[in-house]
Amino acid sequence: GRTEKRAVKSQLIRLMLHAIKWKSQPEKRTASWSISIRSARREIEESQEEMPSLNRAFIESIWEKCFQVAVKDAEDEMGKKCQLTSLAWSEVFEDEYTLSDGALEDGNFE
């Protein structure tokens, strides 16, 4: 159980990291970020199927700690301070992060 919890925590941090970078650096968005987001979501889903106790309540219990780690990692990768102070559940698990014909499908049309 501990291994699965660690895996979910690691995937949540990776998922948040890429969502932060996506929102903070629209000019640098890449398909690999989209793939990483989808992959992390899939890994979390698979862990939840194996261990139903890794549900939304569990994820919410580690949310803030994971967000803080993701912010630090994102700042290191971006080379600048992160302006985001939080991420909503929908931004992490529901929003579409895809590049298509130059139109950004996460609600931001820049």
Protein backbone atom coordinates (compact mmCIF):
# COMPACT_ATOMS: atom_id res chain seq x y z
CA GLY A 1 0.00 0.00 0.00
CA ARG A 2 2.81 2.37 0.84
CA THR A 3 4.38 1.88 -2.60
CA GLU A 4 1.11 2.72 -4.36
CA LYS A 5 0.66 5.82 -2.18
CA ARG A 6 4.17 6.97 -3.08
CA ALA A 7 3.45 6.32 -6.77
CA VAL A 8 0.25 8.39 -6.66
CA LYS A 9 2.05 11.20 -4.85
CA SER A 10 4.86 11.16 -7.42
CA GLN A 11 2.41 11.18 -10.35
CA LEU A 12 0.35 13.98 -8.78
CA ILE A 13 3.49 16.11 -8.44
CA ARG A 14 4.41 15.40 -12.08
CA LEU A 15 0.88 16.21 -13.19
CA MET A 16 0.82 19.47 -11.23
CA LEU A 17 4.30 20.42 -12.43
CA HIS A 18 3.24 20.22 -16.07
CA ALA A 19 -0.08 21.99 -15.44
CA ILE A 20 1.86 24.82 -13.74
CA LYS A 21 4.32 25.09 -16.61
CA TRP A 22 1.44 24.98 -19.14
CA LYS A 23 -0.31 27.87 -17.40
CA SER A 24 2.86 29.85 -16.67
CA GLN A 25 4.60 29.55 -20.04
CA PRO A 26 2.00 29.45 -22.83
CA GLU A 27 4.64 30.34 -25.39
CA LYS A 28 6.65 27.21 -24.55
CA ARG A 29 3.86 24.62 -24.59
CA THR A 30 4.81 21.32 -26.17
CA ALA A 31 3.14 18.07 -27.05
CA SER A 32 5.42 16.33 -24.53
CA TRP A 33 3.77 18.32 -21.72
CA SER A 34 0.35 17.15 -22.93
CA ILE A 35 1.57 13.57 -23.06
CA SER A 36 3.08 13.83 -19.58
CA ILE A 37 -0.21 15.17 -18.18
CA ARG A 38 -2.24 12.37 -19.78
CA SER A 39 0.29 9.78 -18.67
CA ALA A 40 0.26 10.96 -15.05
CA ARG A 41 -3.55 10.98 -15.00
CA ARG A 42 -3.59 7.43 -16.39
CA GLU A 43 -1.03 6.22 -13.81
CA ILE A 44 -3.11 7.71 -10.98
CA GLU A 45 -6.27 6.07 -12.34
CA GLU A 46 -4.55 2.70 -12.56
CA SER A 47 -3.31 2.99 -8.98
CA GLN A 48 -6.83 3.87 -7.87
CA GLU A 49 -8.22 0.79 -9.63
CA GLU A 50 -5.70 -1.39 -7.78
CA MET A 51 -6.26 0.35 -4.44
CA PRO A 52 -9.66 2.04 -4.09
CA SER A 53 -8.46 3.75 -0.88
CA LEU A 54 -6.36 6.05 -3.09
CA ASN A 55 -9.53 8.00 -3.82
CA ARG A 56 -10.26 11.70 -4.09
CA ALA A 57 -10.18 12.10 -0.30
CA PHE A 58 -6.64 10.65 -0.22
CA ILE A 59 -5.52 12.89 -3.08
CA GLU A 60 -7.03 15.94 -1.39
CA SER A 61 -5.15 15.02 1.80
CA ILE A 62 -1.79 15.28 -0.02
CA TRP A 63 -2.81 18.05 -2.44
CA GLU A 64 -1.16 21.08 -0.81
CA LYS A 65 2.12 19.33 -0.06
CA CYS A 66 2.32 18.02 -3.64
CA PHE A 67 1.46 21.47 -5.00
CA GLN A 68 4.31 23.06 -3.03
CA VAL A 69 6.80 20.49 -4.37
CA ALA A 70 5.48 20.95 -7.92
CA VAL A 71 5.84 24.75 -7.65
CA LYS A 72 9.47 24.45 -6.57
CA ASP A 73 10.21 21.98 -9.39
CA ALA A 74 8.42 24.20 -11.92
CA GLU A 75 10.36 27.26 -10.78
CA ASP A 76 13.63 25.37 -11.21
CA GLU A 77 12.62 24.19 -14.69
CA MET A 78 11.26 27.58 -15.80
CA GLY A 79 14.03 29.63 -14.26
CA LYS A 80 11.51 32.05 -12.82
CA LYS A 81 9.12 32.51 -9.91
CA CYS A 82 5.73 30.83 -10.22
CA GLN A 83 2.79 33.23 -10.00
CA LEU A 84 0.20 30.52 -9.31
CA THR A 85 -0.92 30.20 -5.70
CA SER A 86 -3.11 27.14 -6.23
CA LEU A 87 -4.47 24.65 -8.72
CA ALA A 88 -8.11 23.55 -8.76
CA TRP A 89 -9.10 19.88 -9.03
CA SER A 90 -10.56 20.58 -12.48
CA GLU A 91 -7.30 22.17 -13.67
CA VAL A 92 -5.37 19.07 -12.67
CA PHE A 93 -7.77 16.26 -13.53
CA GLU A 94 -10.33 17.58 -16.02
CA ASP A 95 -8.97 20.38 -18.21
CA GLU A 96 -7.76 19.49 -21.70
CA TYR A 97 -4.11 20.23 -22.29
CA THR A 98 -3.69 19.76 -26.00
CA LEU A 99 -2.18 21.66 -28.89
CA SER A 100 -4.26 21.65 -32.05
CA ASP A 101 -4.06 24.00 -35.01
CA GLY A 102 -2.59 26.61 -32.71
CA ALA A 103 -5.82 26.74 -30.69
CA LEU A 104 -5.25 26.04 -27.04
CA GLU A 105 -7.97 23.88 -25.59
CA ASP A 106 -7.52 24.49 -21.89
CA GLY A 107 -9.78 27.51 -21.93
CA ASN A 108 -7.06 29.97 -22.88
CA PHE A 109 -7.23 31.22 -26.44
CA GLU A 110 -4.22 33.45 -26.80
